[in-house]
N, C-alpha and C. Protein backbone atom coordinates (compact mmCIF):
# COMPACT_ATOMS: atom_id res chain seq x y z
N UNK A 1 21.54 -183.62 92.00
CA UNK A 1 21.25 -182.63 92.59
C UNK A 1 21.71 -181.37 92.77
N UNK A 2 21.23 -180.37 92.47
CA UNK A 2 22.29 -178.88 92.14
C UNK A 2 21.26 -178.14 93.43
N UNK A 3 22.31 -176.86 93.96
CA UNK A 3 22.17 -175.67 94.69
C UNK A 3 20.96 -174.96 93.61
N UNK A 4 20.23 -173.56 94.14
CA UNK A 4 19.45 -173.11 93.35
C UNK A 4 19.88 -171.68 94.10
N UNK A 5 20.35 -170.45 92.95
CA UNK A 5 20.12 -169.43 94.12
C UNK A 5 19.15 -168.52 93.70
N UNK A 6 18.79 -167.76 94.47
CA UNK A 6 17.69 -167.34 94.69
C UNK A 6 17.61 -165.41 93.96
N UNK A 7 16.66 -164.79 93.73
CA UNK A 7 16.88 -163.52 93.44
C UNK A 7 18.01 -162.81 94.07
N UNK A 8 18.20 -162.51 95.65
CA UNK A 8 18.78 -161.83 95.93
C UNK A 8 20.74 -162.47 95.96
N UNK A 9 20.76 -163.98 95.13
CA UNK A 9 22.16 -163.91 95.27
C UNK A 9 22.43 -165.05 96.59
N UNK A 10 21.92 -165.86 97.04
CA UNK A 10 21.31 -166.50 98.51
C UNK A 10 21.79 -167.80 97.22
N UNK A 11 22.13 -168.80 98.30
CA UNK A 11 21.88 -170.38 97.57
C UNK A 11 20.99 -171.02 98.45
N UNK A 12 20.28 -171.65 98.02
CA UNK A 12 19.30 -172.60 98.72
C UNK A 12 19.81 -174.30 98.22
N UNK A 13 19.71 -175.39 99.31
CA UNK A 13 19.27 -176.41 98.44
C UNK A 13 18.68 -176.94 98.32
N UNK A 14 18.95 -177.20 96.92
CA UNK A 14 17.54 -178.50 96.00
C UNK A 14 16.81 -179.28 97.21
N UNK A 15 17.40 -179.86 97.80
CA UNK A 15 16.35 -180.67 98.73
C UNK A 15 15.69 -180.21 99.56
N UNK A 16 16.29 -179.31 100.78
CA UNK A 16 15.61 -178.93 101.51
C UNK A 16 14.97 -177.68 101.76
N UNK A 17 15.91 -176.63 100.51
CA UNK A 17 15.22 -175.92 100.19
C UNK A 17 16.11 -174.39 101.55
N UNK A 18 16.87 -174.90 102.21
CA UNK A 18 17.63 -174.22 103.21
C UNK A 18 18.70 -173.27 102.69
N UNK A 19 19.00 -171.97 103.29
CA UNK A 19 19.82 -171.19 103.05
C UNK A 19 21.36 -171.82 103.06
N UNK A 20 22.15 -171.83 102.13
CA UNK A 20 23.28 -172.24 102.19
C UNK A 20 24.59 -171.16 102.61
N UNK A 21 24.71 -171.16 103.41
CA UNK A 21 25.67 -169.74 104.03
C UNK A 21 27.02 -170.10 103.24
N UNK A 22 27.67 -168.68 103.14
CA UNK A 22 28.95 -169.17 102.12
C UNK A 22 30.32 -169.06 103.53
N UNK A 23 31.14 -170.02 102.97
CA UNK A 23 32.70 -170.04 103.87
C UNK A 23 33.10 -169.02 104.23
N UNK A 24 33.72 -168.31 105.05
CA UNK A 24 34.86 -167.45 105.59
C UNK A 24 35.90 -167.84 106.05
N UNK A 25 36.92 -167.67 105.61
CA UNK A 25 38.35 -167.75 105.30
C UNK A 25 38.94 -166.34 106.57
N UNK A 26 40.25 -167.24 106.87
CA UNK A 26 40.93 -166.40 108.01
C UNK A 26 41.07 -166.31 109.22
N UNK A 27 41.87 -165.41 109.75
CA UNK A 27 41.58 -165.35 111.26
C UNK A 27 40.69 -164.27 111.39
N UNK A 28 40.42 -164.45 112.30
CA UNK A 28 38.46 -163.56 112.42
C UNK A 28 38.49 -163.02 113.90
N UNK A 29 37.89 -162.00 113.62
CA UNK A 29 37.18 -161.15 115.16
C UNK A 29 36.62 -162.14 115.95
N UNK A 30 36.26 -163.28 115.84
CA UNK A 30 35.18 -164.41 116.26
C UNK A 30 36.47 -164.54 117.85
N UNK A 31 37.76 -165.17 116.73
CA UNK A 31 38.38 -166.05 117.43
C UNK A 31 38.88 -165.01 118.55
N UNK A 32 39.53 -163.72 118.05
CA UNK A 32 39.90 -162.41 119.59
C UNK A 32 39.08 -162.39 120.16
N UNK A 33 37.76 -162.38 119.85
CA UNK A 33 36.64 -161.99 120.77
C UNK A 33 36.54 -163.05 121.71
N UNK A 34 36.75 -164.25 121.90
CA UNK A 34 36.83 -165.56 122.22
C UNK A 34 38.22 -165.65 122.89
N UNK A 35 39.11 -165.27 122.64
CA UNK A 35 39.72 -165.16 123.19
C UNK A 35 40.39 -163.84 124.28
N UNK A 36 39.76 -162.85 124.18
CA UNK A 36 39.86 -161.63 125.08
C UNK A 36 39.08 -162.35 126.02
N UNK A 37 37.66 -162.86 126.12
CA UNK A 37 36.77 -163.02 127.05
C UNK A 37 37.73 -164.02 127.59
N UNK A 38 38.33 -165.39 127.39
CA UNK A 38 39.06 -166.44 128.56
C UNK A 38 39.91 -165.66 129.20
N UNK A 39 40.32 -164.06 128.88
CA UNK A 39 41.84 -163.72 129.69
C UNK A 39 40.94 -162.99 131.08
N UNK A 40 41.39 -163.22 132.33
CA UNK A 40 41.01 -163.26 133.32
C UNK A 40 42.10 -163.12 134.01
N UNK A 41 43.63 -162.73 133.68
CA UNK A 41 44.59 -162.12 134.62
C UNK A 41 45.57 -162.23 133.80
N UNK A 42 46.48 -160.90 134.04
CA UNK A 42 47.46 -160.80 133.10
C UNK A 42 48.20 -161.79 132.93
N UNK A 43 48.50 -162.79 133.18
CA UNK A 43 48.88 -163.99 132.83
C UNK A 43 48.68 -164.70 131.66
N UNK A 44 47.00 -164.63 131.46
CA UNK A 44 46.35 -164.97 130.82
C UNK A 44 46.46 -163.88 129.14
N UNK A 45 46.45 -162.85 129.65
CA UNK A 45 46.75 -161.88 129.01
C UNK A 45 48.33 -162.25 127.81
N UNK A 46 48.96 -162.66 128.84
CA UNK A 46 50.42 -162.78 128.16
C UNK A 46 50.81 -163.93 127.31
N UNK A 47 49.82 -165.31 127.98
CA UNK A 47 49.83 -165.82 127.55
C UNK A 47 49.10 -166.11 126.39
N UNK A 48 48.23 -164.76 125.60
CA UNK A 48 47.79 -164.48 124.62
C UNK A 48 48.31 -163.90 123.95
N UNK A 49 49.21 -162.72 124.21
CA UNK A 49 49.71 -161.89 123.15
C UNK A 49 50.09 -162.10 122.14
N UNK A 50 50.89 -162.86 121.47
CA UNK A 50 51.01 -163.24 120.24
C UNK A 50 49.85 -163.65 118.88
N UNK A 51 48.89 -164.05 120.31
CA UNK A 51 48.15 -164.70 119.34
C UNK A 51 46.84 -163.67 118.78
N UNK A 52 47.16 -162.55 119.53
CA UNK A 52 46.60 -161.50 119.18
C UNK A 52 46.84 -160.59 118.32
N UNK A 53 48.38 -160.28 118.76
CA UNK A 53 49.24 -159.74 117.47
C UNK A 53 48.73 -160.18 115.76
N UNK A 54 48.96 -161.66 116.08
CA UNK A 54 48.72 -162.24 114.66
C UNK A 54 47.34 -162.11 114.16
N UNK A 55 46.42 -162.20 114.80
CA UNK A 55 44.99 -161.49 114.45
C UNK A 55 44.86 -159.99 113.92
N UNK A 56 45.60 -159.25 114.98
CA UNK A 56 45.49 -157.47 114.26
C UNK A 56 46.29 -157.36 113.18
N UNK A 57 47.08 -158.49 113.00
CA UNK A 57 48.03 -157.77 111.73
C UNK A 57 47.20 -158.76 110.58
N UNK A 58 46.83 -159.68 111.04
CA UNK A 58 45.56 -159.83 109.85
C UNK A 58 44.42 -158.86 109.16
N UNK A 59 43.86 -158.69 110.67
CA UNK A 59 42.85 -157.79 109.94
C UNK A 59 43.73 -156.36 110.02
N UNK A 60 44.11 -155.61 110.22
CA UNK A 60 44.44 -154.54 110.20
C UNK A 60 45.11 -154.04 108.28
N UNK A 61 46.08 -155.53 107.85
CA UNK A 61 47.18 -154.50 106.84
C UNK A 61 47.59 -153.94 106.62
N UNK A 62 47.92 -153.49 108.14
CA UNK A 62 48.84 -151.97 108.45
C UNK A 62 49.57 -151.82 109.40
N UNK A 63 51.36 -152.12 108.88
CA UNK A 63 52.44 -152.52 109.66
C UNK A 63 52.58 -151.54 110.62
N UNK A 64 51.97 -150.34 110.43
CA UNK A 64 52.16 -149.20 111.63
C UNK A 64 51.17 -149.33 112.46
N UNK A 65 49.61 -149.61 112.06
CA UNK A 65 48.73 -149.82 113.07
C UNK A 65 49.20 -151.17 114.05
N UNK A 66 49.86 -152.06 113.22
CA UNK A 66 50.03 -153.19 114.54
C UNK A 66 51.33 -152.84 114.79
N UNK A 67 52.34 -152.36 114.97
CA UNK A 67 53.37 -151.77 115.47
C UNK A 67 52.76 -150.92 116.77
N UNK A 68 52.00 -150.04 116.39
CA UNK A 68 51.56 -149.05 117.82
C UNK A 68 50.41 -150.11 118.77
N UNK A 69 49.81 -151.02 117.63
CA UNK A 69 49.02 -151.86 118.74
C UNK A 69 49.68 -152.83 119.57
N UNK A 70 51.02 -152.93 119.17
CA UNK A 70 51.33 -154.04 119.72
C UNK A 70 52.40 -153.01 121.49
N UNK A 71 52.98 -152.04 120.56
CA UNK A 71 53.79 -151.25 121.90
C UNK A 71 52.67 -151.12 122.94
N UNK A 72 51.48 -150.52 122.32
CA UNK A 72 50.14 -150.03 123.79
C UNK A 72 49.88 -151.29 124.39
N UNK A 73 49.57 -152.53 123.79
CA UNK A 73 49.85 -154.07 124.76
C UNK A 73 50.93 -154.32 125.62
N UNK A 74 52.31 -153.77 125.40
CA UNK A 74 53.29 -154.35 125.88
C UNK A 74 52.78 -153.19 127.27
N UNK A 75 52.84 -152.14 126.83
CA UNK A 75 52.84 -151.04 127.95
C UNK A 75 51.60 -151.56 128.86
N UNK A 76 50.45 -151.83 128.14
CA UNK A 76 49.09 -152.25 129.26
C UNK A 76 49.43 -153.60 130.21
N UNK A 77 50.16 -154.63 129.55
CA UNK A 77 50.76 -155.95 130.03
C UNK A 77 51.41 -155.44 131.62
N UNK A 78 52.86 -154.32 131.12
CA UNK A 78 53.63 -153.93 132.28
C UNK A 78 53.07 -153.25 133.50
N UNK A 79 51.93 -152.18 132.91
CA UNK A 79 50.82 -151.14 133.92
C UNK A 79 50.54 -151.96 134.95
N UNK A 80 49.75 -150.70 135.63
CA UNK A 80 48.57 -151.43 136.39
C UNK A 80 47.45 -151.55 136.09
N UNK A 81 46.89 -151.27 134.72
CA UNK A 81 45.47 -151.17 134.04
C UNK A 81 44.68 -152.21 134.44
N UNK A 82 43.71 -152.46 134.92
CA UNK A 82 42.63 -153.45 135.32
C UNK A 82 42.33 -154.35 133.94
N UNK A 83 42.15 -155.63 134.34
CA UNK A 83 41.80 -156.30 133.56
C UNK A 83 40.46 -156.25 132.78
N UNK A 84 39.59 -155.77 133.02
CA UNK A 84 38.61 -155.68 132.64
C UNK A 84 38.54 -154.24 131.49
N UNK A 85 39.17 -153.03 131.90
CA UNK A 85 39.83 -152.38 131.17
C UNK A 85 40.87 -152.54 129.59
N UNK A 86 41.51 -153.57 130.33
CA UNK A 86 41.96 -154.03 128.96
C UNK A 86 41.22 -154.68 127.79
N UNK A 87 40.66 -155.10 128.77
CA UNK A 87 39.66 -155.99 127.25
C UNK A 87 38.87 -155.28 126.62
N UNK A 88 38.46 -154.59 127.20
CA UNK A 88 37.55 -153.03 126.58
C UNK A 88 38.56 -152.82 125.31
N UNK A 89 39.43 -152.16 125.66
CA UNK A 89 40.69 -151.48 125.02
C UNK A 89 41.04 -152.70 123.94
N UNK A 90 40.85 -154.20 123.55
CA UNK A 90 41.09 -154.99 122.91
C UNK A 90 39.90 -155.09 121.84
N UNK A 91 38.81 -155.07 122.34
CA UNK A 91 37.92 -155.03 121.38
C UNK A 91 37.76 -154.05 120.90
N UNK A 92 37.84 -152.35 121.26
CA UNK A 92 37.54 -151.67 120.64
C UNK A 92 39.00 -151.80 119.54
N UNK A 93 40.31 -152.53 119.64
CA UNK A 93 41.07 -152.93 118.61
C UNK A 93 40.85 -153.04 117.24
N UNK A 94 39.93 -154.12 117.58
CA UNK A 94 39.67 -155.68 116.37
C UNK A 94 38.42 -154.80 116.08
N UNK A 95 37.89 -154.01 116.33
CA UNK A 95 36.71 -153.03 115.95
C UNK A 95 37.01 -151.62 114.67
N UNK A 96 38.15 -151.29 115.43
CA UNK A 96 38.54 -150.40 114.63
C UNK A 96 39.26 -151.01 113.42
N UNK A 97 40.03 -152.05 113.36
CA UNK A 97 40.83 -152.77 111.88
C UNK A 97 38.76 -152.66 110.66
N UNK A 98 37.99 -152.94 111.77
CA UNK A 98 36.57 -153.10 110.10
C UNK A 98 36.66 -154.24 109.49
N UNK A 99 37.44 -154.90 109.87
CA UNK A 99 37.38 -156.56 109.55
C UNK A 99 36.46 -157.62 110.64
N UNK A 100 35.65 -158.25 110.03
CA UNK A 100 34.93 -159.34 111.18
C UNK A 100 34.66 -160.19 110.34
N UNK A 101 33.98 -161.15 110.67
CA UNK A 101 33.68 -162.43 109.62
C UNK A 101 31.78 -162.45 109.49
N UNK A 102 31.00 -161.25 109.68
CA UNK A 102 30.03 -160.67 109.77
C UNK A 102 29.37 -160.97 110.86
N UNK A 103 30.24 -161.24 112.51
CA UNK A 103 30.06 -160.88 113.80
C UNK A 103 28.72 -159.78 114.09
N UNK A 104 29.60 -158.97 113.54
CA UNK A 104 28.72 -157.50 114.05
C UNK A 104 27.37 -157.79 113.13
N UNK A 105 26.80 -158.21 112.33
CA UNK A 105 25.57 -158.12 112.07
C UNK A 105 24.87 -158.91 112.64
N UNK A 106 25.88 -159.89 113.06
CA UNK A 106 25.27 -161.15 113.94
C UNK A 106 24.55 -160.52 115.15
N UNK A 107 25.50 -159.78 116.05
CA UNK A 107 25.60 -159.11 117.43
C UNK A 107 24.31 -158.20 117.27
N UNK A 108 24.51 -157.07 116.03
CA UNK A 108 23.09 -156.23 115.96
C UNK A 108 21.78 -157.15 116.08
N UNK A 109 21.47 -158.60 114.89
CA UNK A 109 20.58 -159.30 114.84
C UNK A 109 20.11 -159.22 116.29
N UNK A 110 20.80 -160.31 117.01
CA UNK A 110 20.13 -160.15 118.81
C UNK A 110 20.18 -158.80 119.27
N UNK A 111 20.47 -157.99 118.88
CA UNK A 111 19.98 -156.60 119.63
C UNK A 111 18.56 -156.34 119.84
N UNK A 112 18.50 -156.02 117.60
CA UNK A 112 17.48 -155.64 117.45
C UNK A 112 16.26 -156.89 117.79
N UNK A 113 16.68 -158.03 117.54
CA UNK A 113 15.59 -159.36 117.78
C UNK A 113 14.51 -159.78 119.24
N UNK A 114 16.01 -160.00 119.56
CA UNK A 114 15.78 -160.80 120.87
C UNK A 114 16.26 -159.56 122.36
N UNK A 115 15.79 -158.37 122.43
CA UNK A 115 16.11 -157.97 123.25
C UNK A 115 15.17 -158.51 124.65
N UNK A 116 14.83 -158.93 124.68
CA UNK A 116 13.89 -159.42 125.46
C UNK A 116 14.25 -161.33 126.07
N UNK A 117 15.29 -161.22 125.70
CA UNK A 117 15.86 -162.46 125.96
C UNK A 117 16.00 -163.52 124.66
N UNK A 118 16.35 -164.71 124.75
CA UNK A 118 16.41 -165.71 124.08
C UNK A 118 16.37 -167.01 124.16
N UNK A 119 15.20 -167.96 124.13
CA UNK A 119 14.78 -169.06 124.20
C UNK A 119 14.33 -169.81 123.37
N UNK A 120 15.18 -171.27 122.22
CA UNK A 120 14.73 -171.18 120.98
C UNK A 120 15.60 -172.26 120.40
N UNK A 121 15.34 -173.18 119.66
CA UNK A 121 16.14 -173.97 118.55
C UNK A 121 17.03 -172.98 118.19
N UNK A 122 18.45 -173.63 118.28
CA UNK A 122 19.55 -173.27 117.51
C UNK A 122 19.12 -172.96 116.33
N UNK A 123 18.86 -173.90 115.27
CA UNK A 123 18.08 -174.03 114.07
C UNK A 123 16.97 -172.86 113.67
N UNK A 124 15.75 -172.55 114.38
CA UNK A 124 15.27 -172.01 114.13
C UNK A 124 15.98 -169.81 114.43
N UNK A 125 17.37 -170.23 115.44
CA UNK A 125 17.57 -168.94 115.51
C UNK A 125 18.03 -169.14 114.35
N UNK A 126 19.11 -169.47 113.58
CA UNK A 126 19.72 -169.76 112.63
C UNK A 126 18.95 -169.09 111.30
N UNK A 127 18.12 -169.77 110.98
CA UNK A 127 17.32 -169.12 110.06
C UNK A 127 16.77 -168.23 109.96
N UNK A 128 16.32 -167.25 110.64
CA UNK A 128 15.96 -165.98 111.13
C UNK A 128 17.03 -165.32 111.03
N UNK A 129 18.14 -165.50 111.18
CA UNK A 129 19.68 -164.77 111.16
C UNK A 129 19.62 -165.02 109.59
N UNK A 130 19.86 -165.59 109.07
CA UNK A 130 20.29 -166.02 107.77
C UNK A 130 19.35 -165.03 106.95
N UNK A 131 17.69 -165.51 107.08
CA UNK A 131 17.04 -164.35 106.26
C UNK A 131 17.23 -163.00 106.53
N UNK A 132 17.16 -162.44 107.45
CA UNK A 132 18.17 -161.16 107.76
C UNK A 132 19.04 -160.90 107.20
N UNK A 133 20.14 -161.76 106.98
CA UNK A 133 21.42 -161.42 106.40
C UNK A 133 21.36 -161.86 105.07
N UNK A 134 20.65 -160.70 104.22
CA UNK A 134 20.67 -161.23 102.80
C UNK A 134 21.93 -161.69 102.12
N UNK A 135 23.04 -160.58 102.47
CA UNK A 135 24.21 -160.39 101.80
C UNK A 135 25.33 -161.77 101.97
N UNK A 136 25.31 -161.92 103.14
CA UNK A 136 26.06 -163.82 102.72
C UNK A 136 26.17 -163.68 104.38
N UNK A 137 24.91 -164.79 104.53
CA UNK A 137 25.58 -165.03 106.33
C UNK A 137 26.42 -165.96 106.36
N UNK A 138 26.80 -166.32 107.98
CA UNK A 138 28.33 -167.05 108.04
C UNK A 138 27.29 -168.15 108.15
N UNK A 139 28.17 -169.30 108.65
CA UNK A 139 27.52 -170.32 108.14
C UNK A 139 27.35 -170.83 109.91
N UNK A 140 26.35 -172.04 109.78
CA UNK A 140 25.67 -172.03 111.41
C UNK A 140 26.96 -172.57 112.08
N UNK A 141 28.40 -173.27 111.92
CA UNK A 141 29.47 -173.24 112.80
C UNK A 141 30.05 -171.76 112.86
N UNK A 142 30.40 -171.05 112.16
CA UNK A 142 30.48 -169.82 112.57
C UNK A 142 29.45 -168.56 113.18
N UNK A 143 28.22 -169.08 113.13
CA UNK A 143 27.56 -168.61 114.10
C UNK A 143 27.64 -169.03 115.92
N UNK A 144 27.94 -170.36 115.87
CA UNK A 144 28.12 -170.90 116.75
C UNK A 144 29.38 -170.43 117.49
N UNK A 145 30.17 -170.63 117.08
CA UNK A 145 31.44 -169.95 117.35
C UNK A 145 31.30 -168.43 117.84
N UNK A 146 30.59 -167.49 117.11
CA UNK A 146 30.37 -166.24 117.05
C UNK A 146 29.65 -165.80 118.73
N UNK A 147 28.75 -166.83 119.21
CA UNK A 147 28.09 -166.99 120.12
C UNK A 147 29.14 -167.23 120.99
N UNK A 148 29.16 -168.27 121.12
CA UNK A 148 30.46 -168.68 122.09
C UNK A 148 31.47 -167.70 122.38
N UNK A 149 32.00 -166.96 121.76
CA UNK A 149 32.84 -166.14 121.96
C UNK A 149 32.30 -165.06 122.91
N UNK A 150 31.23 -164.84 122.82
CA UNK A 150 30.87 -163.76 123.91
C UNK A 150 29.85 -164.72 125.17
N UNK A 151 30.27 -165.80 125.28
CA UNK A 151 29.45 -166.60 126.01
C UNK A 151 27.88 -167.21 126.39
N UNK A 152 27.43 -166.88 124.32
CA UNK A 152 26.54 -167.69 124.75
C UNK A 152 26.17 -169.01 123.65
N UNK A 153 26.90 -169.91 124.44
CA UNK A 153 27.12 -171.17 123.57
C UNK A 153 25.57 -172.36 123.38
N UNK A 154 25.60 -172.46 122.32
CA UNK A 154 24.05 -173.16 122.05
C UNK A 154 24.49 -174.60 122.42
N UNK A 155 23.44 -175.32 123.43
CA UNK A 155 24.00 -176.79 123.87
C UNK A 155 22.45 -177.65 123.03
N UNK A 156 23.02 -178.77 123.79
CA UNK A 156 22.41 -179.61 122.95
C UNK A 156 21.34 -180.23 124.55
N UNK A 157 20.12 -180.09 124.25
CA UNK A 157 19.56 -180.55 125.24
C UNK A 157 17.89 -181.94 124.61
N UNK A 158 17.40 -182.16 125.72
CA UNK A 158 16.22 -182.73 125.36
C UNK A 158 14.89 -182.13 125.51
N UNK A 159 13.88 -182.07 124.67
CA UNK A 159 12.93 -181.51 124.34
C UNK A 159 11.64 -182.13 124.36
N UNK A 160 10.39 -181.65 124.62
CA UNK A 160 9.96 -182.38 123.79
C UNK A 160 9.28 -182.04 122.57
N UNK A 161 8.97 -182.61 122.02
CA UNK A 161 8.22 -182.22 120.04
C UNK A 161 7.01 -183.84 120.01
N UNK A 162 6.11 -183.33 119.22
CA UNK A 162 5.18 -184.48 119.23
C UNK A 162 5.21 -185.36 120.23
N UNK A 163 5.09 -185.08 121.55
CA UNK A 163 4.79 -186.31 122.46
C UNK A 163 6.07 -187.06 122.65
N UNK A 164 7.06 -186.77 122.11
CA UNK A 164 8.43 -187.77 122.15
C UNK A 164 9.51 -186.58 123.05
N UNK A 165 10.76 -187.20 123.80
CA UNK A 165 11.81 -186.26 124.00
C UNK A 165 12.42 -186.46 122.49
N UNK A 166 13.27 -185.75 121.93
CA UNK A 166 14.41 -185.85 121.32
C UNK A 166 15.39 -184.71 121.58
N UNK A 167 16.70 -184.94 120.92
CA UNK A 167 17.45 -183.78 121.27
C UNK A 167 17.69 -182.86 120.21
N UNK A 168 18.06 -181.63 120.71
CA UNK A 168 17.59 -180.31 120.15
C UNK A 168 18.88 -179.48 120.69
N UNK A 169 19.37 -178.67 119.57
CA UNK A 169 20.61 -177.53 119.85
C UNK A 169 19.57 -176.40 120.50
N UNK A 170 19.80 -175.73 121.42
CA UNK A 170 19.13 -174.86 121.82
C UNK A 170 19.45 -173.51 122.11
N UNK A 171 19.31 -172.33 122.54
CA UNK A 171 20.03 -171.05 122.34
C UNK A 171 19.44 -170.28 123.97
N UNK A 172 19.64 -170.24 125.04
CA UNK A 172 19.17 -169.64 126.28
C UNK A 172 19.91 -168.59 126.68
N UNK A 173 19.03 -167.26 126.96
CA UNK A 173 19.81 -166.26 127.54
C UNK A 173 18.64 -165.47 128.16
N UNK A 174 18.61 -164.90 129.35
CA UNK A 174 17.59 -163.51 129.32
C UNK A 174 18.40 -162.40 128.68
N UNK A 175 17.56 -161.77 129.14
CA UNK A 175 17.85 -160.13 128.60
C UNK A 175 18.71 -159.65 129.36
N UNK A 176 19.24 -159.87 130.27
CA UNK A 176 20.34 -159.93 131.47
C UNK A 176 21.62 -159.74 130.57
N UNK A 177 21.41 -161.62 130.60
CA UNK A 177 22.55 -161.82 130.38
C UNK A 177 22.78 -161.79 128.87
N UNK A 178 21.78 -161.08 128.05
CA UNK A 178 22.01 -161.10 126.78
C UNK A 178 22.85 -160.04 126.49
N UNK A 179 22.02 -158.92 127.00
CA UNK A 179 23.09 -157.33 127.43
C UNK A 179 24.38 -157.81 128.00
N UNK A 180 24.61 -158.42 128.20
CA UNK A 180 25.74 -158.57 129.43
C UNK A 180 27.04 -159.07 128.12
N UNK A 181 26.60 -159.92 127.55
CA UNK A 181 27.25 -160.73 126.24
C UNK A 181 27.42 -159.65 125.51
N UNK A 182 26.73 -159.13 124.82
CA UNK A 182 27.06 -158.21 123.62
C UNK A 182 27.74 -156.95 124.37
N UNK A 183 27.61 -156.45 125.67
CA UNK A 183 28.18 -155.38 125.95
C UNK A 183 30.01 -156.32 126.06
N UNK A 184 29.85 -157.26 126.16
CA UNK A 184 31.24 -157.78 126.61
C UNK A 184 32.19 -157.81 124.71
N UNK A 185 31.12 -157.98 123.85
CA UNK A 185 31.60 -157.79 122.44
C UNK A 185 32.22 -157.09 121.92
N UNK A 186 31.32 -155.54 122.65
CA UNK A 186 32.20 -154.70 121.68
C UNK A 186 31.13 -153.86 120.90
N UNK A 187 29.26 -154.68 121.93
CA UNK A 187 28.62 -154.03 120.56
C UNK A 187 27.83 -152.57 121.42
């Protein structure tokens, strides 16, 4: 079996015809957003500080930017600023680096296509995303992680399919939940 490329350069599985996403390497904005979302108090921020700095260092590749980020983060930890403001600042910082694993396109796709909410199979969601992301879609695993990083974790559920109960991975969120998740992502 050999995989086949289409005219746009996407690779398709020769057996089933699904698009095969390219893998992404390295530290990512997805991990950064997941860490930021899990920060609920200053102690969490202190415990996450080294990991956040490491991701910023990898994303920016600019020593001055990383040093400035570290200095401001230290000041925010010592100051009386509330956690939500610090979280917003952190999300802004990863956005400034311009590095992501494609999650910005994923969040844009969510905003454009699912503004009324989402309720369906993760597989169908991914196929729609991959179709709209002609350049190089994230893998299913990365999409799942990117969604989980903003609080939209796909879940295994039993569904009725052709008169039988089957297990499927689904993603559900109301319009309000989706809006809040996208707001937290910095989108």
